[in-house]
Amino acid sequence: MGKYFGTDGFRGEANVKLTVEHAFKVGRFIGWYFKNKKGCRVVIGKDTRRSSYMFEYALVAGLTASGADAYLLHVTTTPSVSYVVRTEGFDCGIMISASHNPFYDNGIKLINSKGQKMDENTILKIEDYIDDKLEIPLAVGDKIGRTVDYAMGRNRYIGYLISLATRSYKDKKIGLDCANGSAWMIAKSVFDALGAKTFVINADPDGTNINMNAGSTHIEVLQKFVIENKLDAGFAFDGDADRCIAVDETGMIVDGDLILYIYGKYLKDQGKLVNNTVVTTIMSNFGLYKAFDEAGINYEKTAVGDKYVYENMVKNGHRIGGEQSGHIIFSKYATTGDGILTAIKMMEVMLESKSSLHTLASPVKIYPQVLKNIRVKSKPEAQNDPDVQAEVKKVADKLGDTGRILVRESGTEPVIRVMVEAESQETCESCVDDVIWVIKAKGHAQE
């Protein structure tokens, strides 16, 4: 990760950590760097945060000052920007969003011409320019860029989503929690067009209520809504709609792990699960792997982050992968997580198999999980201490094939994360506490 950009873009509190000057400079560099004989065309989307307009204008000013043309999708989803970039020949895409963060945060996500996250080498060059290590000329005369209203690009994306449905949703009662974010118009448009009886909540953005007691990070709201309205299923998105968490007809949560199982099993039953493999991260639940084993499905585990999931999928040619948080990637249809696409795929399995979401998820027994963080003086020293490693092995041996332990370093804080999954909550608690006790006893914990 760079100085400003993390695994999911340049993110922070608006005008505190991420300022309009930063956005202007990102635009200046992008407009200059990607310019070729045909000029430079950059497409921009944003979520519903109040600060998104400010950053949009700053980016446009930087892009046009460097000679690039900026095409504005306006309020839209991250996956829609990715789709438009890769299907309509843009040099670059920019999404203004802080995903599931509160409204006062914002972020800048950069997308390459293939619809994928920007490469690290380019990101580092942008950071050098932000830190005044590079000089870039201003465009003059007729070389100055222009701004184009490009709402039609968003509409084509909606059409694409509708085209992916295999059946009508007629007579299906579906709930959508749009998190007062990017999905607030698009999701309903898609489900209405497909014939569903659509029940929508949290689709009234005011610039400050994005993700506020809404969306995939507050799934309890949709759970209650589905039960009260006797819906067939519900789908909750995050602020930029690249995640989806589902709720079945009983109100049970169907998270990313269960979605991976449902669609992976569906593809396998059809003989279409390429490489017979689903890509997960190391944080997927132990119960998912047990269910995969029973279904005869192979799996890969990557580091936490949809970026690493997608890299693995591209490298090995896998078709489906994702995270427990609801970032699900269907590589045949998209290059990034797409919450609305995920909802469409869950509907496909329900309709084609004539099964409820609850029935489809029932083979997976989700194991209790306990995750505790301990602040340490040195992450490597605590992680590599022989006594700590011995205790971790002791726990792993004790759990055997009835659970697992995972000890890893935080990527952003001086913290060691200790996670245990087992058949009972009590076992999880005691095993985690045993490892943390050793870390403290060896003097690694911060005072």
Protein backbone atom coordinates (compact mmCIF):
# COMPACT_ATOMS: atom_id res chain seq x y z
CA MET A 1 0.00 0.00 0.00
CA GLY A 2 1.14 3.54 -0.73
CA LYS A 3 1.22 6.69 1.37
CA TYR A 4 -2.28 7.84 0.37
CA PHE A 5 -3.87 4.92 -1.50
CA GLY A 6 -4.78 1.70 0.30
CA THR A 7 -6.20 -1.53 -1.10
CA ASP A 8 -9.48 0.23 -1.91
CA GLY A 9 -8.37 3.68 -3.05
CA PHE A 10 -7.55 6.98 -1.34
CA ARG A 11 -9.98 7.13 1.58
CA GLY A 12 -10.44 9.36 4.62
CA GLU A 13 -12.48 12.10 6.23
CA ALA A 14 -13.47 14.67 3.63
CA ASN A 15 -11.31 17.81 3.74
CA VAL A 16 -9.31 16.38 6.64
CA LYS A 17 -7.40 13.39 5.30
CA LEU A 18 -8.75 13.57 1.74
CA THR A 19 -8.99 17.16 0.49
CA VAL A 20 -10.12 18.91 -2.68
CA GLU A 21 -6.46 19.66 -3.40
CA HIS A 22 -5.75 15.93 -3.37
CA ALA A 23 -8.63 15.31 -5.77
CA PHE A 24 -7.49 18.12 -8.10
CA LYS A 25 -3.99 16.64 -8.23
CA VAL A 26 -5.29 13.13 -8.89
CA GLY A 27 -7.26 14.55 -11.81
CA ARG A 28 -4.27 16.53 -13.08
CA PHE A 29 -2.04 13.46 -13.10
CA ILE A 30 -4.61 11.09 -14.62
CA GLY A 31 -5.46 13.57 -17.39
CA TRP A 32 -1.80 13.96 -18.32
CA TYR A 33 -0.61 10.38 -17.81
CA PHE A 34 -3.26 8.64 -19.91
CA LYS A 35 -3.24 11.14 -22.77
CA ASN A 36 -2.52 9.64 -26.20
CA LYS A 37 -2.99 10.63 -29.86
CA LYS A 38 -6.75 10.47 -29.38
CA GLY A 39 -6.59 12.51 -26.18
CA CYS A 40 -7.80 11.12 -22.86
CA ARG A 41 -11.34 10.09 -21.87
CA VAL A 42 -12.13 9.48 -18.20
CA VAL A 43 -15.51 8.41 -16.82
CA ILE A 44 -16.51 9.46 -13.29
CA GLY A 45 -19.18 8.15 -10.92
CA LYS A 46 -20.06 9.14 -7.38
CA ASP A 47 -22.15 8.01 -4.44
CA THR A 48 -24.64 10.12 -2.48
CA ARG A 49 -22.34 11.73 0.11
CA ARG A 50 -22.53 15.50 0.37
CA SER A 51 -18.80 15.77 -0.30
CA SER A 52 -19.00 13.67 -3.48
CA TYR A 53 -20.03 16.72 -5.52
CA MET A 54 -17.07 18.69 -4.20
CA PHE A 55 -14.63 15.94 -5.15
CA GLU A 56 -16.30 15.43 -8.52
CA TYR A 57 -15.78 19.08 -9.45
CA ALA A 58 -12.17 19.03 -8.18
CA LEU A 59 -11.37 15.92 -10.22
CA VAL A 60 -13.02 17.42 -13.32
CA ALA A 61 -11.01 20.63 -12.90
CA GLY A 62 -7.78 18.64 -12.69
CA LEU A 63 -8.62 16.38 -15.62
CA THR A 64 -9.67 19.16 -17.98
CA ALA A 65 -6.72 21.33 -16.95
CA SER A 66 -4.45 18.50 -18.12
CA GLY A 67 -6.33 18.14 -21.39
CA ALA A 68 -8.60 15.19 -20.62
CA ASP A 69 -12.34 14.93 -21.27
CA ALA A 70 -14.41 14.01 -18.20
CA TYR A 71 -17.60 11.99 -18.71
CA LEU A 72 -19.99 12.19 -15.76
CA LEU A 73 -22.21 9.25 -14.82
CA HIS A 74 -23.43 11.21 -11.76
CA VAL A 75 -24.73 9.11 -8.82
CA THR A 76 -24.03 5.50 -9.70
CA THR A 77 -22.39 2.32 -8.43
CA THR A 78 -18.73 1.35 -8.43
CA PRO A 79 -19.38 -1.71 -10.65
CA SER A 80 -21.21 0.48 -13.17
CA VAL A 81 -18.09 2.63 -13.58
CA SER A 82 -16.04 -0.53 -14.09
CA TYR A 83 -18.53 -1.78 -16.68
CA VAL A 84 -18.62 1.48 -18.65
CA VAL A 85 -14.82 1.81 -18.67
CA ARG A 86 -14.21 -1.67 -20.08
CA THR A 87 -17.10 -1.75 -22.57
CA GLU A 88 -16.92 1.78 -23.99
CA GLY A 89 -13.21 2.32 -24.52
CA PHE A 90 -12.37 4.77 -21.74
CA ASP A 91 -8.77 5.28 -20.69
CA CYS A 92 -9.59 5.32 -17.01
CA GLY A 93 -12.47 5.37 -14.53
CA ILE A 94 -12.87 7.14 -11.21
CA MET A 95 -15.40 6.34 -8.49
CA ILE A 96 -15.95 8.80 -5.65
CA SER A 97 -17.04 6.78 -2.63
CA ALA A 98 -16.01 5.55 0.80
CA SER A 99 -18.11 2.40 0.41
CA HIS A 100 -19.60 1.37 3.78
CA ASN A 101 -17.98 4.20 5.77
CA PRO A 102 -20.05 7.01 7.37
CA PHE A 103 -21.05 10.04 5.29
CA TYR A 104 -18.23 12.34 6.48
CA ASP A 105 -15.63 10.03 4.92
CA ASN A 106 -15.08 9.81 1.21
CA GLY A 107 -12.71 8.16 -1.21
CA ILE A 108 -11.29 8.08 -4.72
CA LYS A 109 -11.12 4.69 -6.44
CA LEU A 110 -9.18 4.44 -9.69
CA ILE A 111 -10.11 1.90 -12.36
CA ASN A 112 -7.97 0.97 -15.36
CA SER A 113 -9.15 0.56 -18.96
CA LYS A 114 -9.97 -3.12 -18.34
CA GLY A 115 -12.36 -2.24 -15.52
CA GLN A 116 -9.95 -3.44 -12.86
CA LYS A 117 -8.36 -1.65 -9.91
CA MET A 118 -5.46 0.57 -10.92
CA ASP A 119 -2.00 -0.99 -10.82
CA GLU A 120 0.38 -0.19 -7.98
CA ASN A 121 3.02 1.37 -10.22
CA THR A 122 0.63 4.04 -11.50
CA ILE A 123 -0.66 4.68 -7.97
CA LEU A 124 2.88 5.37 -6.74
CA LYS A 125 3.43 7.87 -9.57
CA ILE A 126 0.22 9.68 -8.59
CA GLU A 127 1.47 9.86 -5.00
CA ASP A 128 4.78 11.34 -6.18
CA TYR A 129 2.83 14.06 -7.98
CA ILE A 130 0.69 14.74 -4.91
CA ASP A 131 3.95 15.18 -2.96
CA ASP A 132 5.29 17.64 -5.59
CA LYS A 133 7.99 15.28 -6.84
CA LEU A 134 6.81 15.70 -10.44
CA GLU A 135 5.83 18.64 -12.63
CA ILE A 136 3.05 18.34 -15.19
CA PRO A 137 2.26 20.90 -17.90
CA LEU A 138 -1.11 22.60 -18.12
CA ALA A 139 -3.17 22.23 -21.29
CA VAL A 140 -3.76 25.46 -23.22
CA GLY A 141 -5.94 26.67 -26.05
CA ASP A 142 -8.03 24.01 -27.74
CA LYS A 143 -6.11 21.30 -25.82
CA ILE A 144 -8.04 22.07 -22.62
CA GLY A 145 -10.47 19.25 -21.86
CA ARG A 146 -14.25 19.33 -21.66
CA THR A 147 -16.99 17.86 -19.48
CA VAL A 148 -19.68 15.58 -20.90
CA ASP A 149 -22.95 14.53 -19.25
CA TYR A 150 -22.88 10.75 -19.63
CA ALA A 151 -25.98 9.46 -17.84
CA MET A 152 -26.51 7.22 -20.89
CA GLY A 153 -23.59 5.10 -19.70
CA ARG A 154 -25.37 4.37 -16.44
CA ASN A 155 -28.53 3.48 -18.38
CA ARG A 156 -26.61 1.01 -20.53
CA TYR A 157 -25.30 -0.63 -17.37
CA ILE A 158 -28.87 -1.01 -16.08
CA GLY A 159 -29.79 -2.62 -19.40
CA TYR A 160 -26.85 -4.99 -19.06
CA LEU A 161 -27.96 -6.13 -15.61
CA ILE A 162 -31.50 -6.73 -16.82
CA SER A 163 -30.16 -8.81 -19.73
CA LEU A 164 -28.41 -11.19 -17.31
CA ALA A 165 -31.61 -12.43 -15.68
CA THR A 166 -32.66 -15.88 -16.89
CA ARG A 167 -36.31 -15.66 -15.85
CA SER A 168 -39.03 -13.18 -14.95
CA TYR A 169 -39.37 -12.30 -11.27
CA LYS A 170 -43.16 -12.18 -11.60
CA ASP A 171 -45.00 -12.80 -8.31
CA LYS A 172 -41.76 -12.71 -6.30
CA LYS A 173 -41.85 -10.29 -3.37
CA ILE A 174 -38.33 -8.89 -3.01
CA GLY A 175 -36.97 -6.40 -0.48
CA LEU A 176 -34.11 -4.03 -1.36
CA ASP A 177 -32.15 -2.02 1.21
CA CYS A 178 -30.26 0.59 -0.80
CA ALA A 179 -28.32 2.07 2.16
CA ASN A 180 -29.30 5.59 0.98
CA GLY A 181 -26.39 5.16 -1.38
CA SER A 182 -25.46 4.45 -4.98
CA ALA A 183 -28.08 1.74 -5.53
CA TRP A 184 -31.03 3.92 -4.55
CA MET A 185 -32.37 4.29 -8.12
CA ILE A 186 -30.63 1.53 -10.04
CA ALA A 187 -31.64 -1.50 -7.94
CA LYS A 188 -35.35 -0.75 -8.02
CA SER A 189 -35.23 -0.03 -11.76
CA VAL A 190 -33.69 -3.45 -12.41
CA PHE A 191 -36.04 -5.45 -10.19
CA ASP A 192 -39.12 -3.59 -11.41
CA ALA A 193 -38.13 -4.23 -15.02
CA LEU A 194 -37.79 -7.92 -14.26
CA GLY A 195 -41.32 -8.08 -12.88
CA ALA A 196 -40.71 -8.36 -9.14
CA LYS A 197 -43.03 -6.94 -6.52
CA THR A 198 -40.31 -4.68 -5.20
CA PHE A 199 -40.27 -3.36 -1.64
CA VAL A 200 -37.59 -0.72 -1.13
CA ILE A 201 -36.17 0.83 2.05
CA ASN A 202 -33.40 3.37 2.66
CA ALA A 203 -33.67 4.89 -0.81
CA ASP A 204 -34.02 8.54 0.20
CA PRO A 205 -30.47 9.94 0.30
CA ASP A 206 -29.91 13.42 1.74
CA GLY A 207 -26.10 13.56 1.61
CA THR A 208 -25.60 12.63 5.25
CA ASN A 209 -27.60 9.42 5.76
CA ILE A 210 -25.63 6.99 3.57
CA ASN A 211 -25.10 3.71 5.50
CA MET A 212 -26.78 5.22 8.58
CA ASN A 213 -28.63 2.31 10.22
CA ALA A 214 -29.06 0.99 6.69
CA GLY A 215 -27.60 -1.35 4.12
CA SER A 216 -25.37 -4.40 4.35
CA THR A 217 -23.61 -3.24 7.53
CA HIS A 218 -26.95 -2.94 9.37
CA ILE A 219 -28.62 -6.09 8.07
CA GLU A 220 -30.97 -6.28 11.07
CA VAL A 221 -33.09 -3.55 9.44
CA LEU A 222 -33.72 -5.67 6.35
CA GLN A 223 -34.26 -8.80 8.43
CA LYS A 224 -37.14 -7.14 10.26
CA PHE A 225 -38.52 -5.72 7.00
CA VAL A 226 -38.52 -9.10 5.23
CA ILE A 227 -40.34 -10.82 8.10
CA GLU A 228 -42.92 -8.05 8.59
CA ASN A 229 -43.79 -7.95 4.87
CA LYS A 230 -43.60 -11.73 4.32
CA LEU A 231 -41.13 -11.33 1.46
CA ASP A 232 -39.50 -14.13 -0.52
CA ALA A 233 -36.04 -12.63 -0.04
CA GLY A 234 -34.23 -9.37 0.63
CA PHE A 235 -30.96 -7.89 -0.60
CA ALA A 236 -28.95 -5.19 1.18
CA PHE A 237 -26.21 -3.15 -0.50
CA ASP A 238 -23.46 -0.92 0.85
CA GLY A 239 -22.79 2.73 -0.02
CA ASP A 240 -21.34 2.14 -3.49
CA ALA A 241 -23.25 -1.11 -4.11
CA ASP A 242 -20.29 -3.40 -4.72
CA ARG A 243 -21.45 -5.60 -1.82
CA CYS A 244 -24.61 -7.57 -1.21
CA ILE A 245 -25.84 -9.40 1.88
CA ALA A 246 -29.08 -11.34 1.47
CA VAL A 247 -31.87 -12.24 3.87
CA ASP A 248 -33.97 -15.36 3.31
CA GLU A 249 -37.73 -15.69 3.80
CA THR A 250 -37.28 -16.64 7.49
CA GLY A 251 -35.16 -13.56 8.22
CA MET A 252 -31.89 -15.51 8.31
CA ILE A 253 -28.78 -13.71 7.07
CA VAL A 254 -27.24 -15.10 3.88
CA ASP A 255 -23.79 -13.52 3.91
CA GLY A 256 -20.98 -13.71 1.37
CA ASP A 257 -19.92 -17.19 2.50
CA LEU A 258 -23.40 -18.60 2.00
CA ILE A 259 -23.74 -16.83 -1.34
CA LEU A 260 -20.47 -18.42 -2.48
CA TYR A 261 -21.77 -21.84 -1.45
CA ILE A 262 -25.18 -21.41 -3.09
CA TYR A 263 -23.81 -20.26 -6.44
CA GLY A 264 -20.80 -22.59 -6.38
CA LYS A 265 -23.05 -25.60 -5.74
CA TYR A 266 -25.48 -24.41 -8.44
CA LEU A 267 -22.67 -24.20 -11.02
CA LYS A 268 -21.27 -27.58 -9.99
CA ASP A 269 -24.67 -29.25 -10.33
CA GLN A 270 -24.85 -27.86 -13.88
CA GLY A 271 -21.32 -28.97 -14.71
CA LYS A 272 -20.31 -25.32 -15.15
CA LEU A 273 -18.05 -24.72 -12.13
CA VAL A 274 -14.79 -24.03 -13.96
CA ASN A 275 -11.86 -25.82 -12.27
CA ASN A 276 -14.39 -27.08 -9.68
CA THR A 277 -13.07 -24.25 -7.47
CA VAL A 278 -14.42 -21.29 -5.50
CA VAL A 279 -12.05 -18.55 -4.30
CA THR A 280 -12.43 -17.35 -0.70
CA THR A 281 -10.37 -15.31 1.76
CA ILE A 282 -8.80 -16.62 4.94
CA MET A 283 -11.69 -15.05 6.90
CA SER A 284 -14.39 -17.26 5.40
CA ASN A 285 -16.14 -19.42 7.99
CA PHE A 286 -14.90 -22.92 8.76
CA GLY A 287 -18.44 -24.17 8.13
CA LEU A 288 -18.20 -23.04 4.50
CA TYR A 289 -15.15 -25.23 3.92
CA LYS A 290 -16.84 -28.22 5.57
CA ALA A 291 -19.85 -27.74 3.26
CA PHE A 292 -17.57 -27.44 0.22
CA ASP A 293 -15.83 -30.67 1.23
CA GLU A 294 -19.16 -32.47 1.51
CA ALA A 295 -20.24 -31.11 -1.90
CA GLY A 296 -16.94 -32.11 -3.53
CA ILE A 297 -16.02 -28.51 -4.34
CA ASN A 298 -12.42 -27.31 -4.16
CA TYR A 299 -11.51 -23.88 -2.77
CA GLU A 300 -8.64 -21.44 -2.58
CA LYS A 301 -7.90 -19.02 0.24
CA THR A 302 -6.41 -15.57 -0.35
CA ALA A 303 -5.47 -12.65 1.88
CA VAL A 304 -8.36 -10.45 3.01
CA GLY A 305 -9.51 -8.09 0.25
CA ASP A 306 -11.49 -8.48 -2.97
CA LYS A 307 -8.37 -7.28 -4.82
CA TYR A 308 -6.58 -10.50 -3.85
CA VAL A 309 -9.61 -12.63 -4.65
CA TYR A 310 -9.79 -11.20 -8.16
CA GLU A 311 -6.03 -11.57 -8.74
CA ASN A 312 -6.32 -15.27 -7.87
CA MET A 313 -9.33 -15.71 -10.15
CA VAL A 314 -7.57 -14.09 -13.12
CA LYS A 315 -4.35 -16.03 -12.56
CA ASN A 316 -6.10 -19.40 -12.32
CA GLY A 317 -9.16 -18.91 -14.49
CA HIS A 318 -11.70 -19.37 -11.69
CA ARG A 319 -15.28 -18.15 -12.20
CA ILE A 320 -16.54 -17.23 -8.73
CA GLY A 321 -14.93 -15.83 -5.60
CA GLY A 322 -15.54 -13.36 -2.83
CA GLU A 323 -15.61 -12.37 0.79
CA GLN A 324 -17.85 -12.97 3.77
CA SER A 325 -18.65 -9.22 3.73
CA GLY A 326 -20.59 -9.62 0.47
CA HIS A 327 -17.98 -8.69 -2.14
CA ILE A 328 -18.77 -11.41 -4.69
CA ILE A 329 -17.05 -11.52 -8.08
CA PHE A 330 -18.59 -13.37 -11.03
CA SER A 331 -15.69 -13.14 -13.46
CA LYS A 332 -17.79 -14.13 -16.49
CA TYR A 333 -19.89 -11.01 -16.03
CA ALA A 334 -17.80 -8.43 -14.12
CA THR A 335 -14.29 -7.51 -13.02
CA THR A 336 -15.30 -6.32 -9.56
CA GLY A 337 -17.78 -7.08 -6.81
CA ASP A 338 -21.30 -6.03 -7.84
CA GLY A 339 -24.10 -6.08 -5.27
CA ILE A 340 -26.99 -5.87 -7.73
CA LEU A 341 -25.46 -8.54 -9.97
CA THR A 342 -25.08 -10.74 -6.89
CA ALA A 343 -28.78 -10.29 -6.10
CA ILE A 344 -29.65 -11.24 -9.70
CA LYS A 345 -27.52 -14.38 -9.44
CA MET A 346 -29.22 -15.41 -6.19
CA MET A 347 -32.59 -14.93 -7.87
CA GLU A 348 -31.39 -17.08 -10.77
CA VAL A 349 -30.56 -19.98 -8.46
CA MET A 350 -33.87 -19.65 -6.59
CA LEU A 351 -35.93 -19.61 -9.79
CA GLU A 352 -34.02 -22.23 -11.77
CA SER A 353 -33.94 -24.68 -8.85
CA LYS A 354 -37.46 -23.79 -7.65
CA SER A 355 -36.06 -23.51 -4.13
CA SER A 356 -36.21 -20.91 -1.38
CA LEU A 357 -33.08 -19.09 -0.30
CA HIS A 358 -33.34 -20.79 3.09
CA THR A 359 -33.35 -24.25 1.53
CA LEU A 360 -30.39 -23.41 -0.69
CA ALA A 361 -28.30 -22.19 2.26
CA SER A 362 -29.30 -24.97 4.68
CA PRO A 363 -26.40 -27.41 3.98
CA VAL A 364 -23.92 -24.91 5.46
CA LYS A 365 -23.53 -24.96 9.23
CA ILE A 366 -21.92 -21.67 10.19
CA TYR A 367 -19.55 -22.21 13.11
CA PRO A 368 -19.41 -19.82 16.09
CA GLN A 369 -16.54 -17.39 15.72
CA VAL A 370 -14.64 -15.23 18.19
CA LEU A 371 -12.19 -12.58 17.00
CA LYS A 372 -10.20 -10.51 19.47
CA ASN A 373 -7.55 -7.88 18.85
CA ILE A 374 -4.55 -7.21 21.05
CA ARG A 375 -2.37 -4.14 20.66
CA VAL A 376 1.31 -5.07 20.61
CA LYS A 377 4.68 -3.33 20.64
CA SER A 378 5.90 -5.21 17.56
CA LYS A 379 3.63 -7.29 15.34
CA PRO A 380 6.43 -9.49 13.90
CA GLU A 381 7.96 -10.18 17.32
CA ALA A 382 4.61 -11.14 18.84
CA GLN A 383 3.60 -13.24 15.82
CA ASN A 384 6.93 -15.08 15.62
CA ASP A 385 7.52 -15.68 19.35
CA PRO A 386 8.18 -19.45 19.76
CA ASP A 387 5.91 -19.68 22.81
CA VAL A 388 3.08 -17.89 21.00
CA GLN A 389 3.50 -20.19 18.01
CA ALA A 390 3.54 -23.21 20.32
CA GLU A 391 0.24 -22.10 21.92
CA VAL A 392 -1.32 -21.55 18.50
CA LYS A 393 -0.27 -25.08 17.47
CA LYS A 394 -1.66 -26.46 20.74
CA VAL A 395 -5.03 -24.85 20.00
CA ALA A 396 -4.98 -26.08 16.39
CA ASP A 397 -4.24 -29.64 17.54
CA LYS A 398 -7.03 -29.43 20.13
CA LEU A 399 -9.56 -28.29 17.52
CA GLY A 400 -8.49 -30.85 14.91
CA ASP A 401 -11.12 -31.03 12.20
CA THR A 402 -13.80 -29.47 14.41
CA GLY A 403 -12.58 -25.89 14.04
CA ARG A 404 -9.63 -23.65 13.24
CA ILE A 405 -7.46 -20.86 14.59
CA LEU A 406 -6.13 -17.90 12.60
CA VAL A 407 -3.59 -15.42 13.99
CA ARG A 408 -2.67 -12.53 11.74
CA GLU A 409 -1.27 -9.02 11.81
CA SER A 410 -3.46 -5.99 11.10
CA GLY A 411 -2.40 -4.20 7.95
CA THR A 412 -3.06 -0.73 9.37
CA GLU A 413 -2.75 -0.89 13.18
CA PRO A 414 -0.23 -2.22 15.77
CA VAL A 415 -2.60 -5.11 16.39
CA ILE A 416 -2.54 -8.90 16.31
CA ARG A 417 -5.90 -10.48 15.49
CA VAL A 418 -6.68 -13.85 17.05
CA MET A 419 -9.67 -15.67 15.58
CA VAL A 420 -11.06 -19.09 16.46
CA GLU A 421 -14.00 -20.98 14.96
CA ALA A 422 -15.30 -24.04 16.75
CA GLU A 423 -18.45 -25.99 17.49
CA SER A 424 -19.28 -23.92 20.57
CA GLN A 425 -18.92 -20.28 21.59
CA GLU A 426 -17.27 -21.35 24.85
CA THR A 427 -14.52 -23.25 23.02
CA CYS A 428 -13.89 -20.24 20.79
CA GLU A 429 -13.60 -17.89 23.77
CA SER A 430 -11.25 -20.10 25.78
CA CYS A 431 -8.94 -20.85 22.85
CA VAL A 432 -8.64 -17.17 21.87
CA ASP A 433 -8.01 -16.16 25.48
CA ASP A 434 -5.29 -18.83 25.86
CA VAL A 435 -3.31 -17.35 22.93
CA ILE A 436 -3.80 -13.76 24.08
CA TRP A 437 -2.66 -14.71 27.59
CA VAL A 438 0.65 -16.02 26.19
CA ILE A 439 1.15 -12.86 24.11
CA LYS A 440 0.67 -10.77 27.26
CA ALA A 441 2.79 -13.07 29.44
CA LYS A 442 5.70 -12.74 27.02
CA GLY A 443 5.57 -8.93 27.31
CA HIS A 444 4.42 -8.19 23.76
CA ALA A 445 1.24 -6.30 24.67
CA GLN A 446 1.24 -2.50 24.77
CA GLU A 447 0.86 -1.01 28.23
